[in-house]
Amino acid sequence: MRYAIIADIHANLEACEAVLEAIDRENVDAFICLGDIVGYGADPSRVIEITARLNPVMVAGNHDLAAAGAREISGSTPSARAAIEWTRDRLTEREKRFLKELPLVWRESFVAAHGSPHHPERFDYVSGLSAARSAFSSFGAGACCFIGHTHAARIFVRDEAGGITCDPLPELKISKKCSYIINPGSVGQPRDSDPRAAYAIFDEERSLVQLKRVTYDIDKACRKIIDAGLPQILGERLRLGK
């Protein structure tokens, strides 16, 4: 199987469409969507519709559950809270039900979760080696785990001896002797200083993961956020990739 992996679209229609156009040329068999398809951006309903049509392996993100009324938002930043409330007011009951019914974790030939698969209901960030070690403890040796949440593309590798490294390479050959945590980065709101929309390709037959980027109309996405009355910072940060 050849998978396209997407995460953290955050209702950014322009980024979503650009990524899917790029993936059309990748000859993939299936999609993996790692959550937070809504929140921050101005097109939640349209992005839900497009994502659902892909029929992906899909897990819930914290913004998905919050926008559906299934998770508290009291601990969110003011801008995130405003975006969640704005989104919640615009989703239909059917759309909220769709988000509520998404699983927290998916485990078959690989693992998928939004944050750490170790206690996935907590949506812990996996941004450093300590958090990666905890995440690795929740699945077996030789497996691949796909996550989102940090909005930063990166690959953590655990070797046979238990040593963990963070590999910065955009392409990595998968070994059955190692375990992997793979974050494709964010489609709709990257935070790794690269404003381009991010996605990944996982080729099981070739044992290969590729982290990829694509440009999109950031100015249009930014204008739509501001015109919708969402916090201006949510649009401006798209240009910075932070």
Protein backbone atom coordinates (compact mmCIF):
# COMPACT_ATOMS: atom_id res chain seq x y z
CA MET A 1 0.00 0.00 0.00
CA ARG A 2 1.01 3.56 -0.68
CA TYR A 3 -0.49 6.08 1.75
CA ALA A 4 -0.82 9.85 1.73
CA ILE A 5 -0.60 11.17 5.30
CA ILE A 6 -2.18 14.48 6.26
CA ALA A 7 -2.63 16.22 9.61
CA ASP A 8 -3.77 19.50 11.14
CA ILE A 9 -5.68 20.92 8.17
CA HIS A 10 -7.36 23.34 10.57
CA ALA A 11 -10.11 24.42 8.18
CA ASN A 12 -7.60 25.93 5.75
CA LEU A 13 -9.31 25.18 2.44
CA GLU A 14 -6.59 26.69 0.25
CA ALA A 15 -3.85 24.57 1.85
CA CYS A 16 -6.06 21.47 1.78
CA GLU A 17 -6.81 21.82 -1.93
CA ALA A 18 -3.14 22.43 -2.78
CA VAL A 19 -2.03 19.33 -0.87
CA LEU A 20 -4.70 17.13 -2.44
CA GLU A 21 -3.75 18.40 -5.90
CA ALA A 22 -0.14 17.42 -5.20
CA ILE A 23 -1.22 14.03 -3.85
CA ASP A 24 -3.20 13.39 -7.05
CA ARG A 25 0.19 12.98 -8.76
CA GLU A 26 1.53 10.59 -6.11
CA ASN A 27 -0.46 7.48 -7.14
CA VAL A 28 -1.55 6.65 -3.58
CA ASP A 29 -3.89 3.84 -2.57
CA ALA A 30 -5.30 5.33 0.63
CA PHE A 31 -5.20 8.27 3.03
CA ILE A 32 -4.34 8.61 6.69
CA CYS A 33 -5.73 11.73 8.41
CA LEU A 34 -4.28 12.49 11.84
CA GLY A 35 -6.87 14.90 13.22
CA ASP A 36 -7.57 18.58 13.74
CA ILE A 37 -9.33 19.02 10.44
CA VAL A 38 -11.10 22.07 11.93
CA GLY A 39 -10.12 24.99 14.17
CA TYR A 40 -8.30 28.24 13.34
CA GLY A 41 -9.35 28.45 9.67
CA ALA A 42 -12.41 29.86 7.93
CA ASP A 43 -13.77 26.81 6.05
CA PRO A 44 -14.58 24.06 8.59
CA SER A 45 -17.63 22.59 6.83
CA ARG A 46 -15.99 22.46 3.42
CA VAL A 47 -12.86 20.83 4.81
CA ILE A 48 -14.91 18.24 6.72
CA GLU A 49 -16.76 17.42 3.50
CA ILE A 50 -13.58 17.07 1.43
CA THR A 51 -11.75 15.02 4.06
CA ALA A 52 -14.65 12.63 4.62
CA ARG A 53 -14.84 11.94 0.88
CA LEU A 54 -11.26 10.63 0.96
CA ASN A 55 -12.47 7.77 3.18
CA PRO A 56 -9.22 7.88 5.15
CA VAL A 57 -8.01 6.09 8.21
CA MET A 58 -8.90 8.97 10.53
CA VAL A 59 -8.44 9.85 14.19
CA ALA A 60 -9.81 12.72 16.26
CA GLY A 61 -7.82 15.82 17.12
CA ASN A 62 -8.35 17.97 20.18
CA HIS A 63 -9.79 20.81 18.09
CA ASP A 64 -12.17 18.40 16.36
CA LEU A 65 -13.60 17.23 19.68
CA ALA A 66 -13.70 20.73 21.14
CA ALA A 67 -15.54 22.12 18.12
CA ALA A 68 -18.01 19.25 18.41
CA GLY A 69 -18.64 20.07 22.08
CA ALA A 70 -16.97 16.89 23.29
CA ARG A 71 -13.92 18.45 24.93
CA GLU A 72 -13.34 21.37 27.28
CA ILE A 73 -11.68 24.48 25.86
CA SER A 74 -10.92 26.31 29.12
CA GLY A 75 -7.19 25.53 28.85
CA SER A 76 -6.86 26.80 25.28
CA THR A 77 -5.19 30.06 24.30
CA PRO A 78 -7.57 33.00 23.76
CA SER A 79 -7.19 32.83 19.98
CA ALA A 80 -7.70 29.06 19.90
CA ARG A 81 -10.72 29.36 22.16
CA ALA A 82 -12.23 32.06 19.94
CA ALA A 83 -11.69 29.90 16.87
CA ILE A 84 -13.25 26.85 18.52
CA GLU A 85 -16.32 28.82 19.58
CA TRP A 86 -16.61 30.36 16.11
CA THR A 87 -16.34 26.93 14.50
CA ARG A 88 -18.81 25.32 16.91
CA ASP A 89 -21.43 27.93 16.04
CA ARG A 90 -21.11 27.14 12.33
CA LEU A 91 -21.03 23.34 12.28
CA THR A 92 -24.21 21.37 11.71
CA GLU A 93 -25.26 18.68 14.18
CA ARG A 94 -24.35 16.09 11.58
CA GLU A 95 -20.84 17.52 11.25
CA LYS A 96 -20.41 17.61 15.02
CA ARG A 97 -21.53 13.99 15.26
CA PHE A 98 -19.02 13.02 12.59
CA LEU A 99 -16.20 14.62 14.60
CA LYS A 100 -17.38 13.14 17.92
CA GLU A 101 -17.39 9.62 16.49
CA LEU A 102 -13.78 9.67 15.32
CA PRO A 103 -11.54 7.28 17.28
CA LEU A 104 -8.63 8.54 19.38
CA VAL A 105 -6.20 5.93 18.11
CA TRP A 106 -6.05 3.41 15.26
CA ARG A 107 -3.97 0.26 15.50
CA GLU A 108 -3.53 -2.30 12.75
CA SER A 109 -0.48 -2.63 10.51
CA PHE A 110 0.58 0.79 11.87
CA VAL A 111 -0.51 3.12 14.68
CA ALA A 112 -2.22 6.48 14.12
CA ALA A 113 -3.06 9.12 16.73
CA HIS A 114 -3.28 12.90 16.89
CA GLY A 115 -0.90 13.39 19.81
CA SER A 116 1.05 10.77 21.70
CA PRO A 117 -0.48 7.29 21.41
CA HIS A 118 0.41 6.86 25.09
CA HIS A 119 -2.83 8.01 26.76
CA PRO A 120 -4.19 9.46 23.50
CA GLU A 121 -7.07 11.15 25.34
CA ARG A 122 -4.57 13.59 26.85
CA PHE A 123 -3.31 14.83 23.47
CA ASP A 124 0.26 15.09 24.72
CA TYR A 125 2.73 16.73 22.34
CA VAL A 126 5.60 14.65 20.99
CA SER A 127 8.16 17.35 20.33
CA GLY A 128 11.26 16.05 22.11
CA LEU A 129 13.07 12.83 22.95
CA SER A 130 11.48 12.39 26.39
CA ALA A 131 7.94 12.59 24.99
CA ALA A 132 8.98 10.32 22.12
CA ARG A 133 10.25 7.70 24.58
CA SER A 134 6.86 7.68 26.32
CA ALA A 135 5.08 7.39 22.98
CA PHE A 136 7.29 4.51 21.85
CA SER A 137 6.34 2.61 25.01
CA SER A 138 2.77 2.29 23.75
CA PHE A 139 3.52 0.19 20.66
CA GLY A 140 5.82 -2.65 19.74
CA ALA A 141 9.23 -2.87 18.12
CA GLY A 142 9.40 -2.60 14.35
CA ALA A 143 6.21 -0.54 14.04
CA CYS A 144 5.42 2.85 12.53
CA CYS A 145 3.30 5.38 14.39
CA PHE A 146 1.89 8.45 12.62
CA ILE A 147 0.99 11.53 14.66
CA GLY A 148 0.23 15.23 14.24
CA HIS A 149 -0.50 17.93 16.85
CA THR A 150 2.87 19.74 16.95
CA HIS A 151 2.48 21.19 13.42
CA ALA A 152 6.16 20.35 12.82
CA ALA A 153 7.37 17.73 10.35
CA ARG A 154 9.83 15.32 11.95
CA ILE A 155 10.68 11.63 12.35
CA PHE A 156 11.73 9.96 15.61
CA VAL A 157 13.61 6.66 15.35
CA ARG A 158 14.12 4.07 18.10
CA ASP A 159 16.89 1.61 17.30
CA GLU A 160 17.32 -2.00 18.42
CA ALA A 161 19.15 -0.93 21.57
CA GLY A 162 16.40 1.50 22.58
CA GLY A 163 18.28 4.65 21.58
CA ILE A 164 16.08 7.44 20.19
CA THR A 165 17.04 10.05 17.62
CA CYS A 166 15.13 12.72 15.72
CA ASP A 167 15.99 12.42 12.05
CA PRO A 168 15.70 15.66 10.05
CA LEU A 169 15.91 14.02 6.62
CA PRO A 170 12.93 14.56 4.27
CA GLU A 171 13.19 10.93 3.15
CA LEU A 172 13.85 7.88 5.30
CA LYS A 173 14.14 4.18 4.57
CA ILE A 174 12.19 2.14 7.13
CA SER A 175 13.96 -0.78 8.80
CA LYS A 176 12.09 -3.61 10.53
CA LYS A 177 14.78 -3.48 13.22
CA CYS A 178 13.68 0.01 14.31
CA SER A 179 10.47 1.73 15.39
CA TYR A 180 9.29 5.10 14.09
CA ILE A 181 7.14 8.06 15.08
CA ILE A 182 6.39 10.07 11.96
CA ASN A 183 4.82 13.52 11.98
CA PRO A 184 4.01 14.79 8.46
CA GLY A 185 3.69 18.38 9.64
CA SER A 186 0.60 20.55 9.28
CA VAL A 187 -1.42 21.03 6.11
CA GLY A 188 -3.14 24.18 7.26
CA GLN A 189 -0.99 25.87 9.90
CA PRO A 190 2.69 24.82 9.85
CA ARG A 191 4.79 25.84 12.87
CA ASP A 192 8.25 24.70 11.85
CA SER A 193 9.26 28.00 10.20
CA ASP A 194 8.24 26.76 6.74
CA PRO A 195 4.87 28.25 5.73
CA ARG A 196 4.29 25.75 2.93
CA ALA A 197 1.59 23.12 3.47
CA ALA A 198 3.01 19.78 4.62
CA TYR A 199 2.13 16.15 3.98
CA ALA A 200 3.88 12.78 3.80
CA ILE A 201 3.93 9.69 1.62
CA PHE A 202 4.37 6.24 3.19
CA ASP A 203 5.17 3.46 0.74
CA GLU A 204 4.85 0.13 2.55
CA GLU A 205 6.23 -1.93 -0.33
CA ARG A 206 9.37 0.20 -0.66
CA SER A 207 9.61 0.76 3.13
CA LEU A 208 9.98 4.47 2.47
CA VAL A 209 8.64 7.63 4.12
CA GLN A 210 8.88 11.01 2.38
CA LEU A 211 8.07 14.35 4.02
CA LYS A 212 6.85 16.84 1.42
CA ARG A 213 5.80 20.49 1.12
CA VAL A 214 3.69 22.44 -1.33
CA THR A 215 2.99 26.16 -1.79
CA TYR A 216 -0.55 27.51 -1.62
CA ASP A 217 -2.40 30.83 -1.64
CA ILE A 218 -1.54 31.98 1.88
CA ASP A 219 -2.80 35.52 1.28
CA LYS A 220 -6.26 34.24 0.38
CA ALA A 221 -6.43 31.96 3.42
CA CYS A 222 -5.29 34.82 5.64
CA ARG A 223 -7.87 37.26 4.24
CA LYS A 224 -10.68 34.76 4.75
CA ILE A 225 -9.72 34.28 8.41
CA ILE A 226 -9.70 38.03 9.06
CA ASP A 227 -12.89 38.66 7.04
CA ALA A 228 -14.65 35.95 9.06
CA GLY A 229 -13.95 37.86 12.27
CA LEU A 230 -11.51 35.30 13.62
CA PRO A 231 -8.45 36.55 15.56
CA GLN A 232 -6.09 38.29 13.13
CA ILE A 233 -3.05 36.44 14.48
CA LEU A 234 -4.47 33.17 13.12
CA GLY A 235 -4.14 34.55 9.62
CA GLU A 236 -0.90 36.42 10.04
CA ARG A 237 0.98 33.43 11.44
CA LEU A 238 0.31 31.48 8.23
CA ARG A 239 2.82 33.71 6.46
CA LEU A 240 5.48 32.95 9.07
CA GLY A 241 4.98 29.23 9.45
CA LYS A 242 5.05 29.69 13.25
